[in-house]
Amino acid sequence: MISIMTIKIVGPHPSSKSGIARYTERLATLLDITPIYFGNMVPGFLRKLVKKVNLAGEVSGTINWYACRTWKFTPAECYLLNWWTASVAHIYLWNLLVNRHSRYILLKHEELDPLEQKILPIRIYGKVMLWVLEHLVDVTITHKDIPHPLYHYPEYKDAKEYLNLEGYIILAPGLVRDYKGTDILIKAFLNKCFIEDSVLVIAGEWWDDPTTTLSEYERIFFDIYVKRGIIVIEDRYLSDEDFGTYLSAADVVVLPYQ
């Protein structure tokens, strides 16, 4: 008789509305495995570093970063551990040391969160802990090897009509954060670096304000362009369906990471 290995995936709670949370939820559904969720993942003072933080907070039945009674994973023969932030490192290490009978696969989406990269003590801690974890787990799979969800794409004309967009659409999708260089894109657009009849669409929730680096002159034109619909701001979390629609409506997607 063939026995089926029990597998569980560990990641952020769906209420965090992050890409990793969506990935965790989808992979759990596709593989028909049980998810183990993080609820409160970071201390309160870190939440205040950005205005909008999509973190689940206190969620019943989830892992809490400081409450050690919640750290122990429910039993399984194999765990898929999402890695994208140093805030989960101590919980992963604790389970690896306490339960050496199970198998562990580390799904590495990025070395560290960009915000953590900026804080020297956290950056050092994160890199050291990642090194330790990679030597303790059975397998590490990096981001380039992990298939992320594909979106549903409506027809180009239908998507533009649905979003009420006209002209040549330049799309900057996803969360707006300082390291993504949205301010560079805005300045380039204001300085006529794109073809005529272009419309700049910034679609995604603003964690940081990219307009703070604009000069007084640039700010005046930015406000005028927004009022005229030449620059379209969609400051909200985009569902998978919305994301696919915006991609379909775009003539070009611009990702000016710094």
Protein backbone atom coordinates (compact mmCIF):
# COMPACT_ATOMS: atom_id res chain seq x y z
CA MET A 1 0.00 0.00 0.00
CA ILE A 2 1.34 3.43 -1.00
CA SER A 3 1.42 5.99 1.80
CA ILE A 4 0.95 9.67 0.96
CA MET A 5 3.31 12.15 2.60
CA THR A 6 1.58 14.88 4.61
CA ILE A 7 2.79 18.26 3.44
CA LYS A 8 2.04 21.70 4.84
CA ILE A 9 3.03 25.15 3.58
CA VAL A 10 3.94 28.03 5.91
CA GLY A 11 3.31 31.63 4.91
CA PRO A 12 1.46 34.89 5.65
CA HIS A 13 -2.28 34.91 6.30
CA PRO A 14 -4.48 35.82 3.26
CA SER A 15 -5.71 38.93 5.06
CA SER A 16 -2.24 40.43 4.62
CA LYS A 17 -3.07 40.84 0.90
CA SER A 18 0.53 40.33 -0.16
CA GLY A 19 1.94 38.48 -3.13
CA ILE A 20 3.47 35.84 -0.85
CA ALA A 21 0.12 35.36 0.91
CA ARG A 22 -1.62 34.83 -2.42
CA TYR A 23 1.12 32.46 -3.54
CA THR A 24 0.78 30.46 -0.30
CA GLU A 25 -2.98 30.23 -0.69
CA ARG A 26 -2.82 29.18 -4.34
CA LEU A 27 -0.11 26.59 -3.86
CA ALA A 28 -1.99 25.08 -0.92
CA THR A 29 -5.09 24.82 -3.11
CA LEU A 30 -3.27 23.40 -6.15
CA LEU A 31 -1.41 20.77 -4.12
CA ASP A 32 -4.38 20.14 -1.81
CA ILE A 33 -2.22 20.69 1.27
CA THR A 34 -2.86 22.44 4.57
CA PRO A 35 -1.50 25.98 5.06
CA ILE A 36 0.00 27.21 8.31
CA TYR A 37 -0.37 30.97 8.55
CA PHE A 38 1.53 33.77 10.22
CA GLY A 39 -0.71 36.35 11.87
CA ASN A 40 1.15 39.04 13.81
CA MET A 41 4.56 38.88 12.11
CA VAL A 42 6.40 42.00 13.30
CA PRO A 43 6.57 44.26 16.37
CA GLY A 44 4.20 47.19 16.47
CA PHE A 45 6.97 49.81 16.11
CA LEU A 46 7.98 48.36 12.73
CA ARG A 47 4.42 48.72 11.48
CA LYS A 48 4.73 52.47 11.98
CA LEU A 49 7.70 52.74 9.61
CA VAL A 50 5.33 52.75 6.64
CA LYS A 51 1.89 54.32 6.42
CA LYS A 52 0.19 51.36 4.80
CA VAL A 53 1.28 47.91 5.88
CA ASN A 54 -0.61 44.86 4.67
CA LEU A 55 0.01 42.67 7.68
CA ALA A 56 -2.57 40.36 9.11
CA GLY A 57 -2.13 41.41 12.75
CA GLU A 58 -3.76 39.29 15.44
CA VAL A 59 -5.58 36.39 13.73
CA SER A 60 -6.89 33.48 15.75
CA GLY A 61 -5.11 30.18 15.11
CA THR A 62 -2.07 31.72 13.43
CA ILE A 63 1.60 32.02 14.40
CA ASN A 64 2.50 35.11 16.40
CA TRP A 65 6.07 36.40 16.15
CA TYR A 66 6.50 36.95 19.92
CA ALA A 67 4.15 34.31 21.44
CA CYS A 68 6.28 31.16 21.57
CA ARG A 69 3.25 29.02 22.43
CA THR A 70 2.09 29.57 18.82
CA TRP A 71 5.40 28.74 17.14
CA LYS A 72 5.12 24.96 16.93
CA PHE A 73 3.86 23.78 13.55
CA THR A 74 1.00 21.31 13.44
CA PRO A 75 2.34 17.80 12.61
CA ALA A 76 3.42 16.98 9.04
CA GLU A 77 6.09 14.93 7.31
CA CYS A 78 7.22 17.81 5.10
CA TYR A 79 7.00 21.58 5.42
CA LEU A 80 7.27 24.18 2.64
CA LEU A 81 8.73 27.29 4.28
CA ASN A 82 8.25 30.58 2.45
CA TRP A 83 11.21 32.91 2.96
CA TRP A 84 10.85 36.61 2.14
CA THR A 85 11.49 38.36 5.46
CA ALA A 86 13.77 37.98 8.47
CA SER A 87 10.83 38.31 10.85
CA VAL A 88 10.03 34.59 10.43
CA ALA A 89 13.60 33.34 10.89
CA HIS A 90 13.47 32.54 14.63
CA ILE A 91 10.23 30.57 14.21
CA TYR A 92 11.64 28.49 11.35
CA LEU A 93 14.85 27.85 13.30
CA TRP A 94 12.92 26.79 16.41
CA ASN A 95 10.90 24.22 14.46
CA LEU A 96 13.97 22.93 12.62
CA LEU A 97 15.78 22.32 15.89
CA VAL A 98 12.79 20.87 17.77
CA ASN A 99 11.49 18.61 15.01
CA ARG A 100 14.30 17.00 13.05
CA HIS A 101 12.16 14.08 11.90
CA SER A 102 10.28 16.06 9.24
CA ARG A 103 11.58 17.27 5.89
CA TYR A 104 11.90 21.00 5.18
CA ILE A 105 11.93 22.84 1.85
CA LEU A 106 12.80 26.53 1.87
CA LEU A 107 11.03 28.55 -0.87
CA LYS A 108 13.26 31.62 -1.17
CA HIS A 109 11.41 34.49 -2.84
CA GLU A 110 14.02 37.13 -2.01
CA GLU A 111 17.05 37.48 0.26
CA LEU A 112 15.38 40.06 2.51
CA ASP A 113 12.54 42.53 2.41
CA PRO A 114 13.82 45.86 0.94
CA LEU A 115 12.85 47.71 4.13
CA GLU A 116 14.92 45.25 6.19
CA GLN A 117 17.86 45.78 3.83
CA LYS A 118 17.98 49.43 4.92
CA ILE A 119 18.28 48.67 8.65
CA LEU A 120 21.83 47.45 9.32
CA PRO A 121 21.19 45.25 12.41
CA ILE A 122 18.20 43.56 10.74
CA ARG A 123 20.13 43.15 7.49
CA ILE A 124 22.99 41.39 9.30
CA TYR A 125 20.59 39.28 11.36
CA GLY A 126 18.59 38.31 8.27
CA LYS A 127 21.61 37.27 6.22
CA VAL A 128 23.08 35.22 9.07
CA MET A 129 19.76 33.50 9.80
CA LEU A 130 19.16 32.75 6.13
CA TRP A 131 22.61 31.15 5.91
CA VAL A 132 21.83 29.00 8.97
CA LEU A 133 18.42 27.96 7.67
CA GLU A 134 19.77 27.04 4.23
CA HIS A 135 22.24 24.68 5.93
CA LEU A 136 19.53 23.07 8.08
CA VAL A 137 16.74 22.51 5.55
CA ASP A 138 16.74 19.60 3.12
CA VAL A 139 16.25 21.69 -0.04
CA THR A 140 16.29 25.39 -0.94
CA ILE A 141 14.37 26.53 -4.02
CA THR A 142 15.10 30.07 -5.18
CA HIS A 143 12.57 32.49 -6.66
CA LYS A 144 13.60 31.87 -10.27
CA ASP A 145 12.67 28.20 -9.87
CA ILE A 146 9.26 28.88 -8.29
CA PRO A 147 6.31 29.19 -10.71
CA HIS A 148 4.18 32.12 -9.59
CA PRO A 149 0.50 32.46 -10.46
CA LEU A 150 -0.54 33.47 -13.95
CA TYR A 151 -3.29 36.03 -14.34
CA HIS A 152 -6.44 36.03 -16.43
CA TYR A 153 -6.00 38.41 -19.37
CA PRO A 154 -9.06 39.89 -21.11
CA GLU A 155 -8.77 41.29 -24.63
CA TYR A 156 -6.86 44.57 -25.01
CA LYS A 157 -9.86 46.60 -26.16
CA ASP A 158 -12.16 45.09 -23.55
CA ALA A 159 -9.68 45.82 -20.76
CA LYS A 160 -9.24 49.47 -21.82
CA GLU A 161 -12.98 49.94 -22.09
CA TYR A 162 -13.59 48.31 -18.70
CA LEU A 163 -10.98 50.59 -17.05
CA ASN A 164 -12.16 53.61 -19.06
CA LEU A 165 -8.66 54.26 -20.43
CA GLU A 166 -7.70 55.88 -23.72
CA GLY A 167 -4.43 56.59 -25.50
CA TYR A 168 -1.08 54.84 -25.28
CA ILE A 169 -1.08 53.26 -21.80
CA ILE A 170 2.15 53.20 -19.79
CA LEU A 171 1.55 51.00 -16.76
CA ALA A 172 3.45 50.92 -13.46
CA PRO A 173 1.76 48.08 -11.53
CA GLY A 174 2.08 46.80 -7.97
CA LEU A 175 2.79 48.22 -4.54
CA VAL A 176 4.37 51.68 -4.68
CA ARG A 177 7.51 51.68 -2.53
CA ASP A 178 10.62 53.89 -2.56
CA TYR A 179 12.93 51.25 -4.02
CA LYS A 180 10.64 50.67 -7.02
CA GLY A 181 11.64 53.98 -8.61
CA THR A 182 8.11 55.24 -9.32
CA ASP A 183 9.38 58.79 -8.74
CA ILE A 184 11.90 58.32 -11.58
CA LEU A 185 9.11 57.20 -13.90
CA ILE A 186 6.93 60.18 -12.97
CA LYS A 187 9.78 62.63 -13.63
CA ALA A 188 10.53 60.98 -16.98
CA PHE A 189 6.87 61.23 -17.95
CA LEU A 190 6.65 64.89 -16.92
CA ASN A 191 9.74 65.62 -19.03
CA LYS A 192 8.06 64.17 -22.16
CA CYS A 193 10.24 61.07 -22.39
CA PHE A 194 7.39 59.05 -23.91
CA ILE A 195 5.39 59.27 -27.14
CA GLU A 196 2.50 61.69 -27.60
CA ASP A 197 -0.96 60.77 -26.30
CA SER A 198 0.63 58.65 -23.58
CA VAL A 199 -1.24 58.06 -20.34
CA LEU A 200 0.71 57.03 -17.24
CA VAL A 201 -1.23 54.60 -15.03
CA ILE A 202 0.14 53.93 -11.54
CA ALA A 203 -1.95 51.01 -10.29
CA GLY A 204 -1.27 49.65 -6.82
CA GLU A 205 -1.39 50.56 -3.17
CA TRP A 206 0.92 53.40 -2.12
CA TRP A 207 3.10 52.43 0.83
CA ASP A 208 5.43 55.35 0.06
CA ASP A 209 4.73 58.63 -1.70
CA PRO A 210 6.82 58.93 -4.89
CA THR A 211 5.88 62.60 -5.35
CA THR A 212 7.94 63.80 -2.37
CA THR A 213 11.08 64.05 -4.56
CA LEU A 214 9.37 66.20 -7.20
CA SER A 215 10.42 69.81 -7.57
CA GLU A 216 7.83 72.55 -7.10
CA TYR A 217 7.62 72.92 -10.87
CA GLU A 218 7.20 69.16 -11.39
CA ARG A 219 4.56 68.98 -8.66
CA ILE A 220 2.43 71.63 -10.38
CA PHE A 221 2.45 69.69 -13.65
CA PHE A 222 1.87 66.40 -11.85
CA ASP A 223 -1.32 67.77 -10.26
CA ILE A 224 -2.48 69.18 -13.61
CA TYR A 225 -1.86 65.85 -15.37
CA VAL A 226 -3.77 63.95 -12.70
CA LYS A 227 -6.76 66.30 -13.02
CA ARG A 228 -6.75 65.90 -16.81
CA GLY A 229 -6.43 62.13 -16.67
CA ILE A 230 -3.00 62.14 -18.31
CA ILE A 231 -1.69 60.51 -15.13
CA VAL A 232 -4.08 57.98 -13.57
CA ILE A 233 -3.61 57.00 -9.92
CA GLU A 234 -5.24 53.80 -8.65
CA ASP A 235 -4.12 53.76 -5.01
CA ARG A 236 -5.52 50.45 -3.78
CA TYR A 237 -4.72 46.77 -3.47
CA LEU A 238 -5.25 45.02 -6.80
CA SER A 239 -6.86 41.61 -6.84
CA ASP A 240 -5.52 38.99 -9.28
CA GLU A 241 -8.43 39.77 -11.60
CA ASP A 242 -7.74 43.51 -11.48
CA PHE A 243 -4.03 42.99 -12.00
CA GLY A 244 -4.60 40.92 -15.12
CA THR A 245 -7.02 43.51 -16.51
CA TYR A 246 -4.51 46.35 -16.06
CA LEU A 247 -1.79 44.29 -17.74
CA SER A 248 -4.10 43.60 -20.67
CA ALA A 249 -4.92 47.29 -21.08
CA ALA A 250 -1.26 48.35 -21.12
CA ASP A 251 0.76 49.11 -24.22
CA VAL A 252 3.96 48.97 -22.19
CA VAL A 253 4.74 47.99 -18.60
CA VAL A 254 7.51 49.98 -16.90
CA LEU A 255 9.30 48.68 -13.78
CA PRO A 256 12.02 51.25 -12.95
CA TYR A 257 13.51 49.54 -9.90
CA GLN A 258 16.40 51.34 -8.23
